[in-house]
Amino acid sequence: MPAIRTVLGDIVPDKAGITLTHEHVRYAYQGCEFDHNNVWDFDTVAREVGDAVRAMSRDYGVRTMVDLTPPDIGRHPALLAEVSRRIPIAFPTHPRTRSRIEEHGLSAVLAGRPVLMLPPVGYLEMLGLMQAARLGAVEAGADVDVEKARSAPTPG
């Protein structure tokens, strides 16, 4: 089966979506890692790049970005992986589920993580979220055919 290798693991090609094919997340110069003037904060850069990637996804539907930075001028696989991990998780929650999260102290676990606690969404909106998602999960007992959801037409 064909696959696209990403910093977080392989994906099937039809999940790549709109792709930026020639990007440089961190571009420096040969020997930059040995220059004491080349100081940058990993978390700050990961947050800033993550914010930019989320905006591209939200505003333009970009789903995949290919970083072509050569290793000798700043490619940083750990930074790319961290940016990918910071892409938000859409979590539509029923009010009862939200109250359980609060009741069991899980809000503290989710704090600072890229989880978007969304209000409940309708069936078609949920199908749209699932169709665009890298991974979908439903609560136990839910009557959802994931393959049908992925191929269903979305509103708009």
Protein backbone atom coordinates (compact mmCIF):
# COMPACT_ATOMS: atom_id res chain seq x y z
CA MET A 1 0.00 0.00 0.00
CA PRO A 2 1.44 3.44 -0.89
CA ALA A 3 2.33 5.69 2.03
CA ILE A 4 3.73 9.13 2.72
CA ARG A 5 6.36 9.23 5.45
CA THR A 6 5.81 12.04 7.99
CA VAL A 7 7.65 13.04 11.16
CA LEU A 8 4.88 11.36 13.16
CA GLY A 9 4.51 8.23 11.03
CA ASP A 10 3.18 7.15 7.67
CA ILE A 11 -0.12 8.36 6.23
CA VAL A 12 -2.03 7.16 3.18
CA PRO A 13 -1.77 9.55 0.22
CA ASP A 14 -5.48 10.41 0.11
CA LYS A 15 -5.14 11.92 3.62
CA ALA A 16 -2.48 14.44 2.51
CA GLY A 17 -5.05 16.91 1.16
CA ILE A 18 -3.86 20.37 0.10
CA THR A 19 -0.07 20.24 0.34
CA LEU A 20 2.61 22.92 0.48
CA THR A 21 5.33 21.13 -1.44
CA HIS A 22 8.47 23.20 -0.82
CA GLU A 23 8.77 24.78 2.62
CA HIS A 24 11.60 25.63 5.01
CA VAL A 25 10.44 25.71 8.63
CA ARG A 26 13.90 26.59 9.95
CA TYR A 27 16.44 27.90 7.48
CA ALA A 28 19.88 29.02 8.64
CA TYR A 29 23.43 28.65 7.31
CA GLN A 30 26.12 26.01 7.36
CA GLY A 31 27.56 25.70 10.85
CA CYS A 32 24.67 27.57 12.48
CA GLU A 33 24.49 25.00 15.28
CA PHE A 34 28.00 26.03 16.37
CA ASP A 35 27.39 29.81 16.29
CA HIS A 36 26.72 31.25 19.77
CA ASN A 37 24.84 34.16 18.11
CA ASN A 38 22.35 31.72 16.60
CA VAL A 39 20.24 31.32 19.74
CA TRP A 40 16.58 30.38 19.52
CA ASP A 41 14.08 28.92 21.93
CA PHE A 42 12.67 25.57 20.81
CA ASP A 43 9.26 26.03 22.50
CA THR A 44 8.82 29.58 21.22
CA VAL A 45 9.62 28.58 17.64
CA ALA A 46 7.40 25.45 17.88
CA ARG A 47 4.52 27.61 19.15
CA GLU A 48 4.98 30.29 16.48
CA VAL A 49 5.29 27.79 13.63
CA GLY A 50 2.36 25.78 15.04
CA ASP A 51 0.23 28.95 15.10
CA ALA A 52 1.14 29.67 11.47
CA VAL A 53 0.38 26.09 10.39
CA ARG A 54 -3.00 26.17 12.18
CA ALA A 55 -3.84 29.46 10.42
CA MET A 56 -2.94 27.96 7.01
CA SER A 57 -5.11 24.96 7.78
CA ARG A 58 -8.03 27.08 8.98
CA ASP A 59 -7.85 29.79 6.30
CA TYR A 60 -6.74 27.81 3.25
CA GLY A 61 -7.39 24.12 3.99
CA VAL A 62 -3.70 23.17 3.99
CA ARG A 63 -3.31 19.67 5.46
CA THR A 64 0.29 18.73 4.68
CA MET A 65 3.57 20.60 4.46
CA VAL A 66 6.80 19.25 2.97
CA ASP A 67 9.97 20.67 4.54
CA LEU A 68 12.87 20.53 2.06
CA THR A 69 15.50 22.20 4.24
CA PRO A 70 18.87 20.43 3.78
CA PRO A 71 20.41 19.04 6.99
CA ASP A 72 23.42 21.33 6.81
CA ILE A 73 21.42 24.56 6.81
CA GLY A 74 19.03 24.11 9.68
CA ARG A 75 16.68 21.17 9.14
CA HIS A 76 15.42 20.20 12.57
CA PRO A 77 13.35 16.97 12.64
CA ALA A 78 12.53 17.32 16.37
CA LEU A 79 11.08 20.78 15.73
CA LEU A 80 9.00 19.46 12.82
CA ALA A 81 7.65 16.64 14.99
CA GLU A 82 6.81 19.04 17.84
CA VAL A 83 4.97 21.38 15.47
CA SER A 84 2.97 18.38 14.19
CA ARG A 85 2.13 17.33 17.74
CA ARG A 86 0.84 20.84 18.49
CA ILE A 87 -1.75 20.75 15.71
CA PRO A 88 -5.08 20.86 17.52
CA ILE A 89 -7.42 17.99 18.16
CA ALA A 90 -11.08 18.85 17.52
CA PHE A 91 -13.15 17.44 20.38
CA PRO A 92 -16.90 18.10 20.00
CA THR A 93 -18.32 17.50 23.46
CA HIS A 94 -21.82 17.03 24.78
CA PRO A 95 -22.51 19.16 27.87
CA ARG A 96 -22.69 15.95 29.94
CA THR A 97 -19.22 14.92 28.68
CA ARG A 98 -17.86 18.38 29.52
CA SER A 99 -19.23 18.15 33.04
CA ARG A 100 -17.61 14.70 33.47
CA ILE A 101 -14.28 16.12 32.30
CA GLU A 102 -14.58 18.82 34.97
CA GLU A 103 -15.83 16.38 37.61
CA HIS A 104 -12.87 14.05 37.18
CA GLY A 105 -10.25 16.80 37.03
CA LEU A 106 -9.35 16.16 33.40
CA SER A 107 -9.39 19.85 32.50
CA ALA A 108 -5.98 20.14 34.14
CA VAL A 109 -4.72 17.26 31.99
CA LEU A 110 -5.99 18.99 28.83
CA ALA A 111 -4.70 22.46 29.82
CA GLY A 112 -1.88 23.61 27.59
CA ARG A 113 -2.52 20.83 25.07
CA PRO A 114 -3.79 21.46 21.55
CA VAL A 115 -7.33 20.24 22.21
CA LEU A 116 -10.19 22.33 20.86
CA MET A 117 -13.20 21.66 23.09
CA LEU A 118 -16.03 22.29 20.64
CA PRO A 119 -19.73 22.53 21.38
CA PRO A 120 -21.87 19.65 20.12
CA VAL A 121 -22.05 19.49 16.33
CA GLY A 122 -24.70 18.11 14.02
CA TYR A 123 -24.40 14.93 12.04
CA LEU A 124 -23.21 16.55 8.79
CA GLU A 125 -20.70 18.75 10.61
CA MET A 126 -19.37 15.68 12.41
CA LEU A 127 -19.02 13.87 9.09
CA GLY A 128 -17.06 16.85 7.77
CA LEU A 129 -14.75 16.78 10.79
CA MET A 130 -14.22 13.04 10.43
CA GLN A 131 -13.57 13.30 6.70
CA ALA A 132 -10.81 15.87 7.27
CA ALA A 133 -9.32 14.11 10.30
CA ARG A 134 -6.19 12.00 10.42
CA LEU A 135 -7.84 9.86 13.08
CA GLY A 136 -11.42 9.52 14.28
CA ALA A 137 -12.76 8.10 17.51
CA VAL A 138 -16.29 7.76 18.80
CA GLU A 139 -17.61 6.85 22.20
CA ALA A 140 -18.47 3.24 22.97
CA GLY A 141 -21.91 2.30 21.75
CA ALA A 142 -22.10 5.06 19.16
CA ASP A 143 -23.66 3.88 15.93
CA VAL A 144 -21.24 5.36 13.39
CA ASP A 145 -19.88 3.61 10.32
CA VAL A 146 -16.46 5.29 10.00
CA GLU A 147 -15.93 4.22 6.36
CA LYS A 148 -19.34 5.65 5.38
CA ALA A 149 -18.52 8.83 7.32
CA ARG A 150 -15.23 9.28 5.46
CA SER A 151 -16.91 8.99 2.04
CA ALA A 152 -20.03 11.02 2.81
CA PRO A 153 -20.52 14.39 1.10
CA THR A 154 -19.94 17.33 3.41
CA PRO A 155 -21.96 20.54 3.64
CA GLY A 156 -20.78 23.45 1.51
